[in-house]
Structure formats: structure tokens, C-alpha cells
């Protein structure tokens, strides 16, 4: 995460290979520079909470699994599941 000293408490994070600007006001108790290298849970442009690396990896794995299940459901709903009837 790259941070600036802006009054809006903005920082840059990488989310799934894409760099995005987020607001860190909810997780910034000290100097913004103290957040460099930290894992954060991001939702709609805000860092919601700090995570340790293991928790972050587990969360990423769970999200990837949820996406895979969603793709499977989409595939079934499009008629690919007709042979199962």
C-alpha cells in the first residue's frame, strides 16, 4: 500500500492485480506510513480492517472459492445442467 499525507487519508492498494485508490480513515490510528505493507480488507473504496497475512490469504481463498461456485451455478442455470434431469 502506498500512502500520502492527504487530508482525505487516501492510499493505493493492489486488488487482484489492479491498483486502486482507497480511503484509509477507518484503519489509520497512527501515521499513514505505519500502514505500508499491511493487509487490509477493502469494501467499496474503504479499508475496513487490518488483517494478518494468514487471515488475508484465507479470505482470498474463500472469495476465489465463492467465485468458482458462482460460475458453476451460472453454468448450470444457462442450460448446461439439462443432462442431469
PDB file of N, CA and C in Angstrom:
ATOM      1  N   UNK A   1       0.854  -1.168   0.000  1.00  0.00           N
ATOM      2  CA  UNK A   1       0.000   0.000   0.000  1.00  0.00           C
ATOM      3  C   UNK A   1       0.898   1.228   0.000  1.00  0.00           C
ATOM      4  N   UNK A   2       0.629   2.165  -0.881  1.00  0.00           N
ATOM      5  CA  UNK A   2       1.349   3.435  -0.914  1.00  0.00           C
ATOM      6  C   UNK A   2       0.447   4.495  -0.294  1.00  0.00           C
ATOM      7  N   UNK A   3       0.981   5.279   0.600  1.00  0.00           N
ATOM      8  CA  UNK A   3       0.138   6.251   1.293  1.00  0.00           C
ATOM      9  C   UNK A   3       0.663   7.666   1.107  1.00  0.00           C
ATOM     10  N   UNK A   4      -0.255   8.598   1.165  1.00  0.00           N
ATOM     11  CA  UNK A   4       0.101  10.007   1.094  1.00  0.00           C
ATOM     12  C   UNK A   4      -0.331  10.702   2.371  1.00  0.00           C
ATOM     13  N   UNK A   5       0.061  11.917   2.512  1.00  0.00           N
ATOM     14  CA  UNK A   5      -0.285  12.686   3.712  1.00  0.00           C
ATOM     15  C   UNK A   5      -1.504  13.578   3.440  1.00  0.00           C
ATOM     16  N   UNK A   6      -2.368  13.143   2.561  1.00  0.00           N
ATOM     17  CA  UNK A   6      -3.540  13.899   2.162  1.00  0.00           C
ATOM     18  C   UNK A   6      -4.577  13.930   3.281  1.00  0.00           C
ATOM     19  N   UNK A   7      -5.293  15.033   3.391  1.00  0.00           N
ATOM     20  CA  UNK A   7      -6.319  15.178   4.420  1.00  0.00           C
ATOM     21  C   UNK A   7      -7.427  14.138   4.269  1.00  0.00           C
ATOM     22  N   UNK A   8      -7.617  13.619   3.063  1.00  0.00           N
ATOM     23  CA  UNK A   8      -8.661  12.632   2.812  1.00  0.00           C
ATOM     24  C   UNK A   8      -8.226  11.225   3.188  1.00  0.00           C
ATOM     25  N   UNK A   9      -6.993  11.065   3.637  1.00  0.00           N
ATOM     26  CA  UNK A   9      -6.431   9.777   4.037  1.00  0.00           C
ATOM     27  C   UNK A   9      -6.617   8.725   2.945  1.00  0.00           C
ATOM     28  N   UNK A  10      -6.050   9.003   1.805  1.00  0.00           N
ATOM     29  CA  UNK A  10      -6.126   8.086   0.677  1.00  0.00           C
ATOM     30  C   UNK A  10      -4.837   7.303   0.538  1.00  0.00           C
ATOM     31  N   UNK A  11      -4.949   6.099   0.014  1.00  0.00           N
ATOM     32  CA  UNK A  11      -3.788   5.246  -0.214  1.00  0.00           C
ATOM     33  C   UNK A  11      -4.056   4.404  -1.452  1.00  0.00           C
ATOM     34  N   UNK A  12      -2.989   3.863  -2.010  1.00  0.00           N
ATOM     35  CA  UNK A  12      -3.107   2.959  -3.155  1.00  0.00           C
ATOM     36  C   UNK A  12      -2.894   1.542  -2.696  1.00  0.00           C
ATOM     37  N   UNK A  13      -3.765   0.644  -3.117  1.00  0.00           N
ATOM     38  CA  UNK A  13      -3.628  -0.788  -2.831  1.00  0.00           C
ATOM     39  C   UNK A  13      -3.700  -1.543  -4.142  1.00  0.00           C
ATOM     40  N   UNK A  14      -3.221  -2.783  -4.108  1.00  0.00           N
ATOM     41  CA  UNK A  14      -3.357  -3.649  -5.265  1.00  0.00           C
ATOM     42  C   UNK A  14      -4.408  -4.701  -4.940  1.00  0.00           C
ATOM     43  N   UNK A  15      -5.459  -4.743  -5.736  1.00  0.00           N
ATOM     44  CA  UNK A  15      -6.559  -5.683  -5.551  1.00  0.00           C
ATOM     45  C   UNK A  15      -6.631  -6.570  -6.789  1.00  0.00           C
ATOM     46  N   UNK A  16      -6.303  -7.836  -6.638  1.00  0.00           N
ATOM     47  CA  UNK A  16      -6.331  -8.779  -7.751  1.00  0.00           C
ATOM     48  C   UNK A  16      -5.535  -8.271  -8.954  1.00  0.00           C
ATOM     49  N   UNK A  17      -4.383  -7.700  -8.682  1.00  0.00           N
ATOM     50  CA  UNK A  17      -3.506  -7.227  -9.741  1.00  0.00           C
ATOM     51  C   UNK A  17      -3.835  -5.840 -10.273  1.00  0.00           C
ATOM     52  N   UNK A  18      -4.869  -5.206  -9.749  1.00  0.00           N
ATOM     53  CA  UNK A  18      -5.276  -3.874 -10.188  1.00  0.00           C
ATOM     54  C   UNK A  18      -5.028  -2.889  -9.051  1.00  0.00           C
ATOM     55  N   UNK A  19      -4.345  -1.781  -9.360  1.00  0.00           N
ATOM     56  CA  UNK A  19      -4.101  -0.764  -8.335  1.00  0.00           C
ATOM     57  C   UNK A  19      -5.312   0.147  -8.228  1.00  0.00           C
ATOM     58  N   UNK A  20      -5.732   0.379  -6.984  1.00  0.00           N
ATOM     59  CA  UNK A  20      -6.909   1.216  -6.718  1.00  0.00           C
ATOM     60  C   UNK A  20      -6.608   2.173  -5.573  1.00  0.00           C
ATOM     61  N   UNK A  21      -7.228   3.334  -5.631  1.00  0.00           N
ATOM     62  CA  UNK A  21      -7.106   4.301  -4.550  1.00  0.00           C
ATOM     63  C   UNK A  21      -8.240   4.042  -3.555  1.00  0.00           C
ATOM     64  N   UNK A  22      -7.891   3.976  -2.272  1.00  0.00           N
ATOM     65  CA  UNK A  22      -8.901   3.723  -1.237  1.00  0.00           C
ATOM     66  C   UNK A  22      -8.748   4.727  -0.105  1.00  0.00           C
ATOM     67  N   UNK A  23      -9.762   4.832   0.697  1.00  0.00           N
ATOM     68  CA  UNK A  23      -9.741   5.669   1.888  1.00  0.00           C
ATOM     69  C   UNK A  23      -9.308   4.809   3.070  1.00  0.00           C
ATOM     70  N   UNK A  24      -8.326   5.281   3.844  1.00  0.00           N
ATOM     71  CA  UNK A  24      -7.804   4.503   4.975  1.00  0.00           C
ATOM     72  C   UNK A  24      -8.204   5.079   6.337  1.00  0.00           C
ATOM     73  N   UNK A  25      -9.143   6.016   6.351  1.00  0.00           N
ATOM     74  CA  UNK A  25      -9.524   6.686   7.595  1.00  0.00           C
ATOM     75  C   UNK A  25      -9.987   5.710   8.677  1.00  0.00           C
ATOM     76  N   UNK A  26     -10.648   4.607   8.290  1.00  0.00           N
ATOM     77  CA  UNK A  26     -11.181   3.666   9.283  1.00  0.00           C
ATOM     78  C   UNK A  26     -10.109   2.803   9.940  1.00  0.00           C
ATOM     79  N   UNK A  27      -8.927   2.704   9.317  1.00  0.00           N
ATOM     80  CA  UNK A  27      -7.881   1.840   9.868  1.00  0.00           C
ATOM     81  C   UNK A  27      -6.618   2.603  10.258  1.00  0.00           C
ATOM     82  N   UNK A  28      -6.616   3.909  10.060  1.00  0.00           N
ATOM     83  CA  UNK A  28      -5.415   4.708  10.290  1.00  0.00           C
ATOM     84  C   UNK A  28      -5.468   5.382  11.656  1.00  0.00           C
ATOM     85  N   UNK A  29      -4.879   4.721  12.658  1.00  0.00           N
ATOM     86  CA  UNK A  29      -4.832   5.281  14.004  1.00  0.00           C
ATOM     87  C   UNK A  29      -3.558   6.079  14.248  1.00  0.00           C
ATOM     88  N   UNK A  30      -2.518   5.764  13.493  1.00  0.00           N
ATOM     89  CA  UNK A  30      -1.228   6.423  13.660  1.00  0.00           C
ATOM     90  C   UNK A  30      -0.893   7.175  12.376  1.00  0.00           C
ATOM     91  N   UNK A  31       0.368   7.260  12.082  1.00  0.00           N
ATOM     92  CA  UNK A  31       0.820   7.845  10.830  1.00  0.00           C
ATOM     93  C   UNK A  31       0.421   6.920   9.684  1.00  0.00           C
ATOM     94  N   UNK A  32      -0.046   7.473   8.565  1.00  0.00           N
ATOM     95  CA  UNK A  32      -0.369   6.619   7.425  1.00  0.00           C
ATOM     96  C   UNK A  32       0.800   5.740   6.989  1.00  0.00           C
ATOM     97  N   UNK A  33       2.012   6.208   7.163  1.00  0.00           N
ATOM     98  CA  UNK A  33       3.187   5.423   6.775  1.00  0.00           C
ATOM     99  C   UNK A  33       3.279   4.119   7.571  1.00  0.00           C
ATOM    100  N   UNK A  34       2.684   4.059   8.753  1.00  0.00           N
ATOM    101  CA  UNK A  34       2.699   2.836   9.567  1.00  0.00           C
ATOM    102  C   UNK A  34       1.909   1.706   8.892  1.00  0.00           C
ATOM    103  N   UNK A  35       1.068   2.031   7.920  1.00  0.00           N
ATOM    104  CA  UNK A  35       0.253   1.027   7.230  1.00  0.00           C
ATOM    105  C   UNK A  35       0.956   0.394   6.031  1.00  0.00           C
ATOM    106  N   UNK A  36       2.105   0.928   5.641  1.00  0.00           N
ATOM    107  CA  UNK A  36       2.822   0.376   4.489  1.00  0.00           C
ATOM    108  C   UNK A  36       3.096  -1.109   4.692  1.00  0.00           C
ATOM    109  N   UNK A  37       2.745  -1.904   3.696  1.00  0.00           N
ATOM    110  CA  UNK A  37       2.978  -3.346   3.752  1.00  0.00           C
ATOM    111  C   UNK A  37       1.920  -4.139   4.498  1.00  0.00           C
ATOM    112  N   UNK A  38       0.919  -3.467   5.033  1.00  0.00           N
ATOM    113  CA  UNK A  38      -0.140  -4.148   5.782  1.00  0.00           C
ATOM    114  C   UNK A  38      -1.204  -4.682   4.824  1.00  0.00           C
ATOM    115  N   UNK A  39      -1.866  -5.755   5.244  1.00  0.00           N
ATOM    116  CA  UNK A  39      -3.006  -6.299   4.512  1.00  0.00           C
ATOM    117  C   UNK A  39      -4.264  -5.636   5.060  1.00  0.00           C
ATOM    118  N   UNK A  40      -5.170  -5.231   4.158  1.00  0.00           N
ATOM    119  CA  UNK A  40      -6.424  -4.617   4.585  1.00  0.00           C
ATOM    120  C   UNK A  40      -7.590  -5.268   3.856  1.00  0.00           C
ATOM    121  N   UNK A  41      -8.725  -5.302   4.518  1.00  0.00           N
ATOM    122  CA  UNK A  41      -9.970  -5.743   3.898  1.00  0.00           C
ATOM    123  C   UNK A  41     -10.602  -4.504   3.281  1.00  0.00           C
ATOM    124  N   UNK A  42     -10.826  -4.519   1.962  1.00  0.00           N
ATOM    125  CA  UNK A  42     -11.343  -3.358   1.242  1.00  0.00           C
ATOM    126  C   UNK A  42     -12.767  -3.633   0.793  1.00  0.00           C
ATOM    127  N   UNK A  43     -13.629  -2.640   1.023  1.00  0.00           N
ATOM    128  CA  UNK A  43     -15.018  -2.732   0.563  1.00  0.00           C
ATOM    129  C   UNK A  43     -15.441  -1.357   0.066  1.00  0.00           C
ATOM    130  N   UNK A  44     -15.957  -1.286  -1.136  1.00  0.00           N
ATOM    131  CA  UNK A  44     -16.426  -0.070  -1.803  1.00  0.00           C
ATOM    132  C   UNK A  44     -15.503   1.133  -1.592  1.00  0.00           C
ATOM    133  N   UNK A  45     -14.206   0.909  -1.770  1.00  0.00           N
ATOM    134  CA  UNK A  45     -13.249   2.000  -1.725  1.00  0.00           C
ATOM    135  C   UNK A  45     -12.734   2.379  -0.349  1.00  0.00           C
ATOM    136  N   UNK A  46     -13.088   1.613   0.670  1.00  0.00           N
ATOM    137  CA  UNK A  46     -12.629   1.888   2.033  1.00  0.00           C
ATOM    138  C   UNK A  46     -11.887   0.683   2.593  1.00  0.00           C
ATOM    139  N   UNK A  47     -10.774   0.931   3.269  1.00  0.00           N
ATOM    140  CA  UNK A  47     -10.106  -0.114   4.036  1.00  0.00           C
ATOM    141  C   UNK A  47     -10.931  -0.283   5.308  1.00  0.00           C
ATOM    142  N   UNK A  48     -11.532  -1.458   5.471  1.00  0.00           N
ATOM    143  CA  UNK A  48     -12.458  -1.682   6.584  1.00  0.00           C
ATOM    144  C   UNK A  48     -11.755  -2.188   7.845  1.00  0.00           C
ATOM    145  N   UNK A  49     -10.706  -3.010   7.652  1.00  0.00           N
ATOM    146  CA  UNK A  49      -9.983  -3.546   8.803  1.00  0.00           C
ATOM    147  C   UNK A  49      -8.614  -4.039   8.359  1.00  0.00           C
ATOM    148  N   UNK A  50      -7.714  -4.153   9.330  1.00  0.00           N
ATOM    149  CA  UNK A  50      -6.386  -4.705   9.086  1.00  0.00           C
ATOM    150  C   UNK A  50      -6.442  -6.213   9.267  1.00  0.00           C
ATOM    151  N   UNK A  51      -5.688  -6.939   8.455  1.00  0.00           N
ATOM    152  CA  UNK A  51      -5.624  -8.397   8.537  1.00  0.00           C
ATOM    153  C   UNK A  51      -4.168  -8.825   8.640  1.00  0.00           C
ATOM    154  N   UNK A  52      -3.922  -9.950   9.316  1.00  0.00           N
ATOM    155  CA  UNK A  52      -2.571 -10.502   9.224  1.00  0.00           C
ATOM    156  C   UNK A  52      -2.493 -11.284   7.917  1.00  0.00           C
ATOM    157  N   UNK A  53      -1.280 -11.651   7.506  1.00  0.00           N
ATOM    158  CA  UNK A  53      -1.107 -12.273   6.196  1.00  0.00           C
ATOM    159  C   UNK A  53      -1.879 -13.581   6.055  1.00  0.00           C
ATOM    160  N   UNK A  54      -1.888 -14.408   7.087  1.00  0.00           N
ATOM    161  CA  UNK A  54      -2.610 -15.688   7.008  1.00  0.00           C
ATOM    162  C   UNK A  54      -4.116 -15.458   6.850  1.00  0.00           C
ATOM    163  N   UNK A  55      -4.663 -14.531   7.618  1.00  0.00           N
ATOM    164  CA  UNK A  55      -6.089 -14.215   7.516  1.00  0.00           C
ATOM    165  C   UNK A  55      -6.419 -13.662   6.125  1.00  0.00           C
ATOM    166  N   UNK A  56      -5.519 -12.849   5.577  1.00  0.00           N
ATOM    167  CA  UNK A  56      -5.726 -12.295   4.245  1.00  0.00           C
ATOM    168  C   UNK A  56      -5.726 -13.408   3.199  1.00  0.00           C
ATOM    169  N   UNK A  57      -4.786 -14.340   3.312  1.00  0.00           N
ATOM    170  CA  UNK A  57      -4.718 -15.440   2.339  1.00  0.00           C
ATOM    171  C   UNK A  57      -5.960 -16.335   2.436  1.00  0.00           C
ATOM    172  N   UNK A  58      -6.425 -16.600   3.652  1.00  0.00           N
ATOM    173  CA  UNK A  58      -7.633 -17.404   3.823  1.00  0.00           C
ATOM    174  C   UNK A  58      -8.850 -16.685   3.232  1.00  0.00           C
ATOM    175  N   UNK A  59      -8.921 -15.386   3.428  1.00  0.00           N
ATOM    176  CA  UNK A  59     -10.031 -14.607   2.879  1.00  0.00           C
ATOM    177  C   UNK A  59      -9.994 -14.621   1.357  1.00  0.00           C
ATOM    178  N   UNK A  60      -8.811 -14.452   0.769  1.00  0.00           N
ATOM    179  CA  UNK A  60      -8.677 -14.502  -0.688  1.00  0.00           C
ATOM    180  C   UNK A  60      -9.078 -15.864  -1.232  1.00  0.00           C
ATOM    181  N   UNK A  61      -8.680 -16.933  -0.537  1.00  0.00           N
ATOM    182  CA  UNK A  61      -9.044 -18.286  -0.970  1.00  0.00           C
ATOM    183  C   UNK A  61     -10.553 -18.486  -0.889  1.00  0.00           C
ATOM    184  N   UNK A  62     -11.182 -17.998   0.171  1.00  0.00           N
ATOM    185  CA  UNK A  62     -12.631 -18.132   0.322  1.00  0.00           C
ATOM    186  C   UNK A  62     -13.362 -17.362  -0.778  1.00  0.00           C
ATOM    187  N   UNK A  63     -12.886 -16.163  -1.105  1.00  0.00           N
ATOM    188  CA  UNK A  63     -13.505 -15.377  -2.168  1.00  0.00           C
ATOM    189  C   UNK A  63     -13.343 -16.058  -3.526  1.00  0.00           C
ATOM    190  N   UNK A  64     -12.179 -16.639  -3.782  1.00  0.00           N
ATOM    191  CA  UNK A  64     -11.958 -17.366  -5.036  1.00  0.00           C
ATOM    192  C   UNK A  64     -12.896 -18.566  -5.125  1.00  0.00           C
ATOM    193  N   UNK A  65     -13.080 -19.262  -4.006  1.00  0.00           N
ATOM    194  CA  UNK A  65     -13.991 -20.408  -3.978  1.00  0.00           C
ATOM    195  C   UNK A  65     -15.432 -19.955  -4.243  1.00  0.00           C
ATOM    196  N   UNK A  66     -15.836 -18.853  -3.619  1.00  0.00           N
ATOM    197  CA  UNK A  66     -17.189 -18.336  -3.836  1.00  0.00           C
ATOM    198  C   UNK A  66     -17.392 -17.949  -5.295  1.00  0.00           C
ATOM    199  N   UNK A  67     -16.368 -17.374  -5.916  1.00  0.00           N
ATOM    200  CA  UNK A  67     -16.466 -17.012  -7.329  1.00  0.00           C
ATOM    201  C   UNK A  67     -16.606 -18.263  -8.189  1.00  0.00           C
ATOM    202  N   UNK A  68     -15.846 -19.314  -7.877  1.00  0.00           N
ATOM    203  CA  UNK A  68     -15.924 -20.561  -8.637  1.00  0.00           C
ATOM    204  C   UNK A  68     -17.307 -21.189  -8.511  1.00  0.00           C
ATOM    205  N   UNK A  69     -17.862 -21.182  -7.311  1.00  0.00           N
ATOM    206  CA  UNK A  69     -19.207 -21.731  -7.106  1.00  0.00           C
ATOM    207  C   UNK A  69     -20.221 -20.908  -7.899  1.00  0.00           C
ATOM    208  N   UNK A  70     -20.064 -19.594  -7.895  1.00  0.00           N
ATOM    209  CA  UNK A  70     -20.966 -18.735  -8.658  1.00  0.00           C
ATOM    210  C   UNK A  70     -20.902 -19.024 -10.147  1.00  0.00           C
ATOM    211  N   UNK A  71     -19.689 -19.248 -10.654  1.00  0.00           N
ATOM    212  CA  UNK A  71     -19.542 -19.584 -12.069  1.00  0.00           C
ATOM    213  C   UNK A  71     -20.194 -20.922 -12.387  1.00  0.00           C
ATOM    214  N   UNK A  72     -20.046 -21.898 -11.480  1.00  0.00           N
ATOM    215  CA  UNK A  72     -20.694 -23.203 -11.667  1.00  0.00           C
ATOM    216  C   UNK A  72     -22.214 -23.046 -11.708  1.00  0.00           C
ATOM    217  N   UNK A  73     -22.759 -22.236 -10.801  1.00  0.00           N
ATOM    218  CA  UNK A  73     -24.205 -22.021 -10.770  1.00  0.00           C
ATOM    219  C   UNK A  73     -24.680 -21.314 -12.035  1.00  0.00           C
ATOM    220  N   UNK A  74     -23.904 -20.339 -12.506  1.00  0.00           N
ATOM    221  CA  UNK A  74     -24.252 -19.654 -13.749  1.00  0.00           C
ATOM    222  C   UNK A  74     -24.257 -20.635 -14.918  1.00  0.00           C
ATOM    223  N   UNK A  75     -23.274 -21.508 -14.931  1.00  0.00           N
ATOM    224  CA  UNK A  75     -23.158 -22.504 -15.999  1.00  0.00           C
ATOM    225  C   UNK A  75     -24.373 -23.440 -15.975  1.00  0.00           C
ATOM    226  N   UNK A  76     -24.768 -23.874 -14.790  1.00  0.00           N
ATOM    227  CA  UNK A  76     -25.933 -24.761 -14.672  1.00  0.00           C
ATOM    228  C   UNK A  76     -27.218 -24.036 -15.068  1.00  0.00           C
ATOM    229  N   UNK A  77     -27.341 -22.791 -14.678  1.00  0.00           N
ATOM    230  CA  UNK A  77     -28.552 -22.034 -14.982  1.00  0.00           C
ATOM    231  C   UNK A  77     -28.685 -21.737 -16.470  1.00  0.00           C
ATOM    232  N   UNK A  78     -27.571 -21.747 -17.185  1.00  0.00           N
ATOM    233  CA  UNK A  78     -27.628 -21.451 -18.623  1.00  0.00           C
ATOM    234  C   UNK A  78     -28.040 -22.665 -19.448  1.00  0.00           C
ATOM    235  N   UNK A  79     -28.364 -23.775 -18.797  1.00  0.00           N
ATOM    236  CA  UNK A  79     -28.822 -24.945 -19.527  1.00  0.00           C
ATOM    237  C   UNK A  79     -27.822 -26.067 -19.593  1.00  0.00           C
ATOM    238  N   UNK A  80     -26.638 -25.854 -19.094  1.00  0.00           N
ATOM    239  CA  UNK A  80     -25.621 -26.901 -19.137  1.00  0.00           C
ATOM    240  C   UNK A  80     -25.998 -28.061 -18.243  1.00  0.00           C
ATOM    241  N   UNK A  81     -26.906 -27.841 -17.292  1.00  0.00           N
ATOM    242  CA  UNK A  81     -27.316 -28.917 -16.390  1.00  0.00           C
ATOM    243  C   UNK A  81     -28.478 -29.733 -16.914  1.00  0.00           C
ATOM    244  N   UNK A  82     -28.894 -29.517 -18.155  1.00  0.00           N
ATOM    245  CA  UNK A  82     -30.035 -30.228 -18.722  1.00  0.00           C
ATOM    246  C   UNK A  82     -29.855 -31.751 -18.697  1.00  0.00           C
ATOM    247  N   UNK A  83     -28.657 -32.243 -18.861  1.00  0.00           N
ATOM    248  CA  UNK A  83     -28.414 -33.683 -18.892  1.00  0.00           C
ATOM    249  C   UNK A  83     -28.667 -34.323 -17.538  1.00  0.00           C
ATOM    250  N   UNK A  84     -28.733 -33.556 -16.493  1.00  0.00           N
ATOM    251  CA  UNK A  84     -28.929 -34.116 -15.154  1.00  0.00           C
ATOM    252  C   UNK A  84     -30.403 -34.349 -14.830  1.00  0.00           C
ATOM    253  N   UNK A  85     -31.302 -33.910 -15.665  1.00  0.00           N
ATOM    254  CA  UNK A  85     -32.733 -34.021 -15.364  1.00  0.00           C
ATOM    255  C   UNK A  85     -33.265 -35.384 -15.555  1.00  0.00           C
TER     256      UNK A  85
END
